[in-house]
N, C-alpha and C. Protein backbone atom coordinates (compact mmCIF):
# COMPACT_ATOMS: atom_id res chain seq x y z
N MET A 1 -56.10 -16.57 4.38
CA MET A 1 -56.63 -17.54 5.28
C MET A 1 -55.57 -18.69 5.52
N SER A 2 -55.20 -18.92 6.74
CA SER A 2 -54.40 -20.08 7.16
C SER A 2 -55.16 -21.15 7.74
N PHE A 3 -54.58 -22.40 7.27
CA PHE A 3 -55.13 -23.76 7.85
C PHE A 3 -54.07 -24.50 8.35
N PHE A 4 -54.10 -24.94 9.61
CA PHE A 4 -53.13 -25.60 10.34
C PHE A 4 -53.97 -26.80 11.08
N PHE A 5 -53.39 -27.72 10.91
CA PHE A 5 -54.08 -28.92 11.56
C PHE A 5 -53.20 -30.08 12.11
N LEU A 6 -53.38 -30.63 13.12
CA LEU A 6 -52.77 -31.76 13.49
C LEU A 6 -53.50 -32.93 13.88
N ALA A 7 -52.75 -34.13 14.02
CA ALA A 7 -53.53 -35.50 14.03
C ALA A 7 -53.03 -36.39 14.98
N SER A 8 -53.74 -37.18 15.56
CA SER A 8 -53.45 -38.08 16.45
C SER A 8 -52.55 -39.27 15.89
N CYS A 9 -51.84 -39.87 16.94
CA CYS A 9 -50.94 -41.10 16.55
C CYS A 9 -51.56 -42.43 17.08
N LYS A 10 -52.61 -42.80 16.66
CA LYS A 10 -53.41 -43.69 17.41
C LYS A 10 -52.93 -45.14 17.18
N ASN A 11 -52.29 -45.39 16.07
CA ASN A 11 -51.96 -46.94 15.85
C ASN A 11 -50.36 -47.11 15.69
N ASP A 12 -50.07 -47.99 16.82
CA ASP A 12 -48.64 -48.43 16.72
C ASP A 12 -48.29 -49.21 16.18
N LYS A 13 -48.94 -49.88 15.16
CA LYS A 13 -48.85 -51.12 14.27
C LYS A 13 -47.86 -50.77 13.05
N ALA A 14 -47.96 -49.60 12.65
CA ALA A 14 -47.28 -49.11 11.34
C ALA A 14 -45.70 -49.05 11.61
N LYS A 15 -45.18 -49.56 10.41
CA LYS A 15 -43.64 -49.47 10.55
C LYS A 15 -42.95 -48.48 9.37
N ASN A 16 -41.82 -48.13 9.46
CA ASN A 16 -41.46 -47.06 8.82
C ASN A 16 -40.47 -47.89 7.85
N ALA A 17 -40.96 -48.20 6.65
CA ALA A 17 -40.42 -49.00 5.54
C ALA A 17 -39.73 -47.91 4.52
N GLU A 18 -38.60 -47.50 4.91
CA GLU A 18 -37.82 -46.58 4.12
C GLU A 18 -37.10 -47.32 3.10
N LYS A 19 -36.86 -46.84 1.82
CA LYS A 19 -35.90 -47.33 0.81
C LYS A 19 -35.40 -46.22 -0.07
N LEU A 20 -34.26 -46.41 -0.42
CA LEU A 20 -33.42 -45.26 -1.28
C LEU A 20 -33.86 -45.61 -2.75
N VAL A 21 -34.39 -44.60 -3.42
CA VAL A 21 -34.76 -44.67 -4.77
C VAL A 21 -33.99 -43.45 -5.52
N GLU A 22 -33.23 -43.96 -6.65
CA GLU A 22 -32.57 -42.65 -7.22
C GLU A 22 -33.10 -42.50 -8.94
N ASN A 23 -33.47 -41.53 -9.43
CA ASN A 23 -33.44 -41.24 -10.70
C ASN A 23 -32.16 -40.85 -11.27
N GLU A 24 -32.00 -40.29 -12.39
CA GLU A 24 -30.72 -39.80 -12.95
C GLU A 24 -30.27 -38.64 -12.24
N GLU A 25 -31.14 -37.88 -11.75
CA GLU A 25 -30.58 -36.43 -11.23
C GLU A 25 -30.84 -36.25 -9.57
N ILE A 26 -31.78 -37.02 -9.08
CA ILE A 26 -32.06 -36.76 -7.54
C ILE A 26 -32.23 -37.99 -7.05
N ALA A 27 -31.77 -38.41 -5.51
CA ALA A 27 -31.92 -39.36 -4.94
C ALA A 27 -32.90 -39.11 -3.80
N TYR A 28 -33.86 -40.06 -3.80
CA TYR A 28 -34.95 -39.74 -2.86
C TYR A 28 -34.92 -41.13 -1.72
N HIS A 29 -35.61 -40.75 -0.62
CA HIS A 29 -35.97 -41.73 0.25
C HIS A 29 -37.33 -42.10 0.02
N SER A 30 -37.70 -43.23 -0.21
CA SER A 30 -39.21 -43.77 -0.52
C SER A 30 -39.71 -44.38 0.59
N PHE A 31 -40.99 -43.93 0.77
CA PHE A 31 -41.95 -44.33 1.96
C PHE A 31 -43.14 -44.97 1.49
N GLY A 32 -43.88 -46.20 1.67
CA GLY A 32 -45.00 -46.52 1.57
C GLY A 32 -44.84 -47.20 -0.09
N ASN A 33 -45.89 -46.91 -0.75
CA ASN A 33 -45.93 -47.47 -2.15
C ASN A 33 -44.85 -46.80 -2.96
N GLU A 34 -44.21 -47.61 -4.03
CA GLU A 34 -43.09 -47.05 -4.87
C GLU A 34 -43.96 -46.21 -5.60
N ILE A 35 -43.54 -44.89 -5.84
CA ILE A 35 -43.83 -43.90 -6.89
C ILE A 35 -42.76 -43.25 -7.50
N THR A 36 -43.25 -42.56 -8.61
CA THR A 36 -42.03 -41.86 -9.34
C THR A 36 -42.13 -40.21 -9.22
N ASP A 37 -41.28 -39.63 -9.73
CA ASP A 37 -41.13 -38.32 -9.69
C ASP A 37 -41.71 -37.61 -11.05
N ALA A 38 -42.44 -38.51 -11.70
CA ALA A 38 -43.06 -37.95 -12.95
C ALA A 38 -44.58 -37.48 -12.79
N GLU A 39 -44.89 -36.69 -13.73
CA GLU A 39 -46.19 -35.93 -13.78
C GLU A 39 -46.67 -35.70 -12.44
N VAL A 40 -45.85 -34.72 -11.61
CA VAL A 40 -46.15 -34.13 -10.46
C VAL A 40 -46.59 -32.68 -10.30
N LEU A 41 -47.70 -32.61 -9.51
CA LEU A 41 -48.22 -31.17 -9.60
C LEU A 41 -47.33 -30.19 -8.66
N THR A 42 -47.20 -28.87 -8.92
CA THR A 42 -46.52 -27.90 -7.92
C THR A 42 -47.52 -27.79 -6.80
N LYS A 43 -46.94 -27.15 -5.80
CA LYS A 43 -47.91 -26.98 -4.53
C LYS A 43 -48.89 -25.90 -4.85
N GLU A 44 -48.65 -24.92 -5.95
CA GLU A 44 -49.49 -23.96 -6.33
C GLU A 44 -50.87 -24.59 -6.89
N GLN A 45 -50.25 -25.56 -8.06
CA GLN A 45 -51.45 -26.16 -8.78
C GLN A 45 -52.26 -26.97 -7.78
N MET A 46 -51.70 -27.59 -6.81
CA MET A 46 -52.36 -28.47 -5.89
C MET A 46 -53.33 -27.54 -5.11
N ALA A 47 -52.90 -26.39 -4.50
CA ALA A 47 -53.81 -25.22 -3.75
C ALA A 47 -54.99 -25.01 -4.71
N GLU A 48 -54.96 -24.99 -6.14
CA GLU A 48 -56.01 -24.60 -6.86
C GLU A 48 -57.02 -25.83 -7.06
N LYS A 49 -56.44 -26.98 -7.09
CA LYS A 49 -57.27 -28.21 -7.03
C LYS A 49 -58.06 -28.46 -5.73
N TYR A 50 -57.54 -28.10 -4.66
CA TYR A 50 -58.29 -27.84 -3.48
C TYR A 50 -59.59 -27.02 -3.25
N LYS A 51 -59.53 -25.82 -4.10
CA LYS A 51 -60.43 -24.83 -4.30
C LYS A 51 -61.71 -25.66 -4.86
N ASP A 52 -61.62 -26.41 -5.74
CA ASP A 52 -62.86 -27.13 -6.34
C ASP A 52 -63.35 -28.36 -5.42
N LEU A 53 -62.95 -28.60 -4.38
CA LEU A 53 -63.00 -29.83 -3.61
C LEU A 53 -64.30 -29.52 -2.62
N LYS A 54 -65.09 -30.40 -2.41
CA LYS A 54 -66.17 -30.20 -1.42
C LYS A 54 -66.12 -31.27 -0.61
N VAL A 55 -66.42 -31.30 0.69
CA VAL A 55 -66.77 -32.56 1.70
C VAL A 55 -67.33 -33.63 0.93
N GLY A 56 -66.73 -34.71 0.92
CA GLY A 56 -67.28 -35.97 0.28
C GLY A 56 -66.48 -36.14 -1.03
N ASP A 57 -66.05 -35.09 -1.65
CA ASP A 57 -65.09 -35.42 -2.94
C ASP A 57 -63.65 -35.87 -2.66
N THR A 58 -63.16 -36.76 -3.53
CA THR A 58 -61.76 -36.99 -3.54
C THR A 58 -61.20 -36.90 -4.81
N LEU A 59 -59.82 -36.55 -4.84
CA LEU A 59 -59.01 -36.45 -6.04
C LEU A 59 -57.88 -37.24 -5.85
N ASN A 60 -57.57 -38.43 -6.88
CA ASN A 60 -56.32 -39.05 -6.90
C ASN A 60 -55.19 -38.02 -7.72
N VAL A 61 -54.17 -37.76 -6.89
CA VAL A 61 -53.03 -36.94 -7.43
C VAL A 61 -51.79 -37.05 -6.80
N LYS A 62 -50.76 -36.61 -7.35
CA LYS A 62 -49.48 -36.40 -6.98
C LYS A 62 -48.96 -34.92 -7.02
N PHE A 63 -48.34 -34.47 -5.81
CA PHE A 63 -47.86 -33.13 -5.79
C PHE A 63 -46.46 -33.04 -4.92
N ALA A 64 -45.73 -32.01 -5.31
CA ALA A 64 -44.63 -31.77 -4.79
C ALA A 64 -44.73 -30.61 -3.64
N SER A 65 -44.03 -30.53 -2.64
CA SER A 65 -44.11 -29.63 -1.66
C SER A 65 -43.04 -29.61 -0.58
N LYS A 66 -43.00 -28.66 0.46
CA LYS A 66 -42.03 -28.64 1.50
C LYS A 66 -42.89 -28.97 2.63
N ILE A 67 -42.25 -29.83 3.66
CA ILE A 67 -42.66 -30.12 4.99
C ILE A 67 -42.66 -29.21 5.68
N ASN A 68 -43.81 -28.53 6.43
CA ASN A 68 -43.84 -27.48 7.41
C ASN A 68 -43.64 -28.06 8.75
N GLU A 69 -44.20 -29.27 9.01
CA GLU A 69 -44.14 -29.96 10.31
C GLU A 69 -44.53 -31.48 10.23
N VAL A 70 -43.66 -32.32 11.01
CA VAL A 70 -44.01 -33.70 11.08
C VAL A 70 -44.37 -34.14 12.54
N CYS A 71 -45.31 -34.89 12.63
CA CYS A 71 -45.62 -35.36 14.09
C CYS A 71 -44.41 -35.56 14.95
N LYS A 72 -44.25 -35.00 16.00
CA LYS A 72 -42.84 -35.39 16.78
C LYS A 72 -43.04 -36.51 17.75
N SER A 73 -44.29 -37.08 17.78
CA SER A 73 -44.56 -38.32 18.44
C SER A 73 -43.98 -39.65 17.54
N LYS A 74 -44.39 -39.84 16.46
CA LYS A 74 -44.08 -40.94 15.56
C LYS A 74 -44.11 -40.73 14.23
N GLY A 75 -43.94 -39.37 13.83
CA GLY A 75 -44.08 -39.17 12.21
C GLY A 75 -45.13 -39.78 11.46
N CYS A 76 -46.36 -39.86 12.18
CA CYS A 76 -47.59 -40.32 11.57
C CYS A 76 -48.52 -39.41 10.84
N TRP A 77 -48.07 -37.96 10.90
CA TRP A 77 -48.63 -37.28 9.85
C TRP A 77 -47.74 -35.94 9.50
N MET A 78 -48.13 -35.24 8.57
CA MET A 78 -47.35 -33.90 8.22
C MET A 78 -48.22 -32.85 7.71
N ASN A 79 -47.84 -31.79 7.63
CA ASN A 79 -48.35 -30.65 7.29
C ASN A 79 -47.41 -30.28 5.86
N LEU A 80 -48.05 -30.12 4.72
CA LEU A 80 -47.44 -29.77 3.59
C LEU A 80 -47.71 -28.34 3.24
N ASP A 81 -46.97 -27.33 2.76
CA ASP A 81 -47.06 -26.09 2.36
C ASP A 81 -47.59 -26.08 1.15
N LEU A 82 -48.66 -25.17 0.88
CA LEU A 82 -49.48 -24.98 -0.28
C LEU A 82 -49.22 -23.42 -0.71
N GLY A 83 -48.50 -22.68 -0.15
CA GLY A 83 -48.54 -21.25 -0.30
C GLY A 83 -49.34 -20.46 0.53
N ASN A 84 -49.35 -19.21 0.35
CA ASN A 84 -50.09 -18.35 0.98
C ASN A 84 -50.76 -18.68 2.34
N GLU A 85 -49.64 -19.26 3.18
CA GLU A 85 -49.96 -19.48 4.59
C GLU A 85 -51.33 -20.45 4.69
N THR A 86 -50.99 -21.43 3.40
CA THR A 86 -52.31 -22.65 3.61
C THR A 86 -51.44 -23.94 3.60
N GLU A 87 -51.89 -24.99 4.13
CA GLU A 87 -51.38 -26.21 4.27
C GLU A 87 -52.40 -27.29 4.09
N SER A 88 -51.60 -28.54 3.42
CA SER A 88 -52.33 -29.85 3.41
C SER A 88 -52.07 -30.55 4.58
N PHE A 89 -52.95 -31.17 5.12
CA PHE A 89 -52.79 -32.26 6.37
C PHE A 89 -52.58 -33.59 5.75
N VAL A 90 -51.45 -34.23 5.96
CA VAL A 90 -51.25 -35.36 5.40
C VAL A 90 -51.26 -36.50 6.45
N LYS A 91 -51.89 -37.52 6.09
CA LYS A 91 -51.84 -38.87 6.72
C LYS A 91 -51.28 -39.83 5.82
N PHE A 92 -51.05 -41.13 6.30
CA PHE A 92 -50.38 -42.16 5.58
C PHE A 92 -51.50 -43.29 5.54
N LYS A 93 -51.74 -43.82 4.38
CA LYS A 93 -52.82 -45.08 4.25
C LYS A 93 -52.49 -46.14 5.18
N ASP A 94 -53.59 -46.45 5.94
CA ASP A 94 -53.76 -47.46 6.95
C ASP A 94 -52.40 -47.40 7.82
N TYR A 95 -51.89 -46.20 8.12
CA TYR A 95 -50.78 -46.08 9.12
C TYR A 95 -49.71 -47.11 8.76
N GLY A 96 -49.63 -47.26 7.47
CA GLY A 96 -48.66 -48.16 6.91
C GLY A 96 -47.09 -47.81 7.03
N PHE A 97 -46.92 -46.44 7.19
CA PHE A 97 -45.54 -45.99 7.31
C PHE A 97 -45.55 -44.59 8.00
N PHE A 98 -44.47 -44.28 8.40
CA PHE A 98 -44.15 -43.01 9.11
C PHE A 98 -43.08 -42.29 8.41
N MET A 99 -43.01 -40.87 8.51
CA MET A 99 -41.88 -39.88 8.08
C MET A 99 -40.90 -39.94 9.35
N PRO A 100 -39.82 -39.72 8.85
CA PRO A 100 -38.69 -39.36 9.86
C PRO A 100 -38.99 -38.10 10.94
N LEU A 101 -38.60 -38.20 12.24
CA LEU A 101 -39.36 -37.11 13.06
C LEU A 101 -38.37 -35.90 12.70
N ASN A 102 -37.45 -35.81 12.13
CA ASN A 102 -36.66 -34.72 11.86
C ASN A 102 -36.89 -34.11 10.35
N ALA A 103 -37.80 -34.53 9.72
CA ALA A 103 -38.12 -34.32 8.33
C ALA A 103 -38.62 -32.77 7.99
N ASP A 104 -38.87 -31.80 9.07
CA ASP A 104 -39.50 -30.55 8.82
C ASP A 104 -38.61 -29.93 7.75
N GLY A 105 -39.09 -29.24 7.02
CA GLY A 105 -38.27 -28.43 5.97
C GLY A 105 -37.70 -29.16 4.80
N ARG A 106 -37.94 -30.50 4.64
CA ARG A 106 -37.70 -31.26 3.53
C ARG A 106 -38.55 -31.22 2.42
N GLU A 107 -38.10 -31.50 1.26
CA GLU A 107 -38.93 -31.41 -0.05
C GLU A 107 -39.26 -32.85 -0.19
N VAL A 108 -40.80 -32.99 -0.42
CA VAL A 108 -41.24 -34.45 -0.74
C VAL A 108 -42.27 -34.21 -2.03
N ILE A 109 -42.59 -35.66 -2.56
CA ILE A 109 -43.55 -35.81 -3.47
C ILE A 109 -44.41 -36.67 -2.89
N VAL A 110 -45.86 -36.36 -2.75
CA VAL A 110 -46.70 -37.40 -1.99
C VAL A 110 -47.72 -37.82 -3.20
N ASN A 111 -48.10 -39.14 -3.08
CA ASN A 111 -49.10 -39.38 -4.18
C ASN A 111 -50.25 -40.08 -3.20
N GLY A 112 -51.32 -39.82 -3.77
CA GLY A 112 -52.67 -40.24 -2.95
C GLY A 112 -53.94 -39.43 -3.35
N LYS A 113 -54.82 -39.38 -2.09
CA LYS A 113 -56.02 -39.02 -2.27
C LYS A 113 -56.27 -37.53 -1.72
N ALA A 114 -56.67 -36.54 -2.22
CA ALA A 114 -56.94 -35.42 -1.72
C ALA A 114 -58.33 -35.15 -1.45
N PHE A 115 -58.78 -34.54 -0.37
CA PHE A 115 -60.15 -34.42 0.03
C PHE A 115 -60.22 -33.25 1.25
N VAL A 116 -61.35 -32.74 1.40
CA VAL A 116 -61.34 -31.89 2.53
C VAL A 116 -62.44 -32.32 3.60
N THR A 117 -62.08 -31.77 4.74
CA THR A 117 -62.89 -32.29 5.93
C THR A 117 -63.08 -31.26 6.87
N THR A 118 -64.00 -31.35 7.68
CA THR A 118 -64.15 -30.39 8.84
C THR A 118 -63.88 -31.21 10.21
N THR A 119 -62.90 -30.76 10.76
CA THR A 119 -62.46 -31.27 12.16
C THR A 119 -63.21 -30.71 13.46
N SER A 120 -63.82 -31.56 14.22
CA SER A 120 -64.55 -31.12 15.64
C SER A 120 -63.50 -30.56 16.43
N VAL A 121 -63.97 -29.73 17.30
CA VAL A 121 -63.23 -29.18 18.49
C VAL A 121 -62.57 -30.32 19.19
N ASP A 122 -63.36 -31.40 19.56
CA ASP A 122 -62.84 -32.25 20.49
C ASP A 122 -61.46 -33.11 19.65
N GLU A 123 -61.75 -33.42 18.51
CA GLU A 123 -60.46 -33.96 17.71
C GLU A 123 -59.25 -32.81 17.63
N LEU A 124 -59.62 -31.46 17.48
CA LEU A 124 -58.44 -30.40 17.37
C LEU A 124 -57.77 -30.44 18.68
N ARG A 125 -58.56 -30.70 19.95
CA ARG A 125 -58.14 -30.43 21.17
C ARG A 125 -57.10 -31.73 21.44
N HIS A 126 -57.63 -32.82 21.13
CA HIS A 126 -56.66 -34.16 20.99
C HIS A 126 -55.36 -34.20 20.28
N PHE A 127 -55.35 -33.59 19.09
CA PHE A 127 -54.56 -33.55 18.03
C PHE A 127 -53.42 -32.64 18.69
N ALA A 128 -53.90 -31.24 19.41
CA ALA A 128 -53.04 -30.48 20.06
C ALA A 128 -52.25 -30.99 21.09
N GLU A 129 -53.04 -31.82 21.99
CA GLU A 129 -52.41 -32.53 23.13
C GLU A 129 -51.40 -33.38 22.80
N ASP A 130 -51.62 -34.28 21.64
CA ASP A 130 -50.61 -35.16 20.90
C ASP A 130 -49.27 -34.25 20.49
N ALA A 131 -49.75 -32.97 19.97
CA ALA A 131 -48.36 -32.06 19.57
C ALA A 131 -47.64 -31.64 20.73
N GLY A 132 -48.14 -31.79 21.94
CA GLY A 132 -47.48 -31.40 23.23
C GLY A 132 -47.82 -29.93 23.55
N GLU A 133 -49.04 -29.33 22.94
CA GLU A 133 -49.48 -27.88 23.40
C GLU A 133 -49.89 -27.79 24.85
N SER A 134 -49.65 -26.54 25.50
CA SER A 134 -50.07 -26.45 26.81
C SER A 134 -51.53 -26.62 26.88
N GLU A 135 -52.05 -26.87 28.28
CA GLU A 135 -53.30 -26.68 28.50
C GLU A 135 -54.07 -25.42 28.35
N GLU A 136 -53.14 -24.36 28.30
CA GLU A 136 -53.76 -22.99 27.95
C GLU A 136 -53.94 -22.70 26.51
N GLU A 137 -53.22 -23.41 25.58
CA GLU A 137 -53.34 -23.22 24.04
C GLU A 137 -54.57 -24.19 23.68
N ILE A 138 -54.74 -25.61 24.35
CA ILE A 138 -55.66 -26.42 24.01
C ILE A 138 -56.86 -25.81 24.32
N ALA A 139 -57.10 -24.99 25.65
CA ALA A 139 -58.32 -24.45 25.92
C ALA A 139 -58.81 -23.38 24.89
N LYS A 140 -57.74 -22.72 24.15
CA LYS A 140 -58.11 -21.77 23.20
C LYS A 140 -59.03 -22.23 21.89
N ILE A 141 -58.92 -23.64 21.69
CA ILE A 141 -59.69 -24.14 20.38
C ILE A 141 -60.97 -24.02 20.78
N LYS A 142 -61.83 -23.29 20.23
CA LYS A 142 -63.14 -23.31 20.45
C LYS A 142 -64.01 -23.43 19.29
N ASP A 143 -63.56 -23.60 17.97
CA ASP A 143 -64.42 -23.84 16.89
C ASP A 143 -63.72 -24.78 15.90
N PRO A 144 -64.71 -25.67 15.34
CA PRO A 144 -64.30 -26.61 14.48
C PRO A 144 -63.36 -25.90 12.97
N LYS A 145 -62.55 -26.73 12.62
CA LYS A 145 -61.59 -26.13 11.34
C LYS A 145 -61.83 -26.79 10.06
N TYR A 146 -61.87 -26.18 9.00
CA TYR A 146 -61.98 -26.77 7.52
C TYR A 146 -60.41 -27.29 7.35
N THR A 147 -60.39 -28.51 6.76
CA THR A 147 -59.20 -29.16 6.56
C THR A 147 -58.80 -29.55 5.13
N LEU A 148 -57.65 -29.19 4.62
CA LEU A 148 -57.46 -29.48 3.22
C LEU A 148 -56.50 -30.92 3.65
N SER A 149 -57.10 -31.88 3.39
CA SER A 149 -56.70 -33.40 3.65
C SER A 149 -55.96 -33.94 2.64
N PHE A 150 -55.10 -34.91 2.92
CA PHE A 150 -54.38 -35.79 1.89
C PHE A 150 -54.28 -37.30 2.69
N GLU A 151 -54.51 -38.41 1.89
CA GLU A 151 -54.28 -39.56 2.51
C GLU A 151 -52.79 -40.09 1.39
N ALA A 152 -51.68 -40.15 1.89
CA ALA A 152 -50.64 -40.59 1.02
C ALA A 152 -50.49 -42.15 1.17
N ASP A 153 -50.64 -42.70 -0.25
CA ASP A 153 -49.81 -43.90 -0.17
C ASP A 153 -48.49 -44.28 -0.46
N GLY A 154 -47.75 -43.27 -0.96
CA GLY A 154 -46.37 -43.26 -1.34
C GLY A 154 -45.87 -41.83 -1.26
N VAL A 155 -44.57 -41.70 -0.55
CA VAL A 155 -43.77 -40.42 -0.24
C VAL A 155 -42.37 -40.68 -0.99
N LEU A 156 -42.05 -39.56 -1.77
CA LEU A 156 -40.41 -39.58 -1.94
C LEU A 156 -40.10 -38.29 -1.26
N MET A 157 -39.04 -38.41 -0.42
CA MET A 157 -38.43 -37.29 0.16
C MET A 157 -37.03 -37.13 -0.27
N ASN A 158 -36.62 -35.79 -0.83
CA ASN A 158 -35.21 -35.62 -1.15
C ASN A 158 -34.18 -36.04 -0.03
N LYS A 159 -33.18 -36.84 -0.58
CA LYS A 159 -32.23 -37.29 0.20
C LYS A 159 -31.31 -36.11 0.73
């Protein structure tokens, strides 16, 4: 089963506060709160954690994955690979930071809250419009979607 979700870039106040962080082996670009690369779940472990979540549940967690897609408007959301054609839809806490628009395919570590939601048809159509989808593609959206969501307060991206 595949989950694919987009989100709107509603708030123009956020700033992209990027820093360079280095440990002994890897250099990272840091966004949002300072986080470390210690005690990180794999994408497969994170996919298992999502299986136990119900709407209304939250889980504080840190996991590593590959960016499948970043919002091409401002970098205000991203979809992370969880394996088996499943993704986690990531927004950034309080729109406090954004990711580079060209970050697709990069490896990241995200820290924050995992949760699940159901996204309405109206929201999905709005998000598709933000992503530049055609009117024809937007009209095909007829059902709400179950979303594996994540609110990141900090992100490390491999340099």
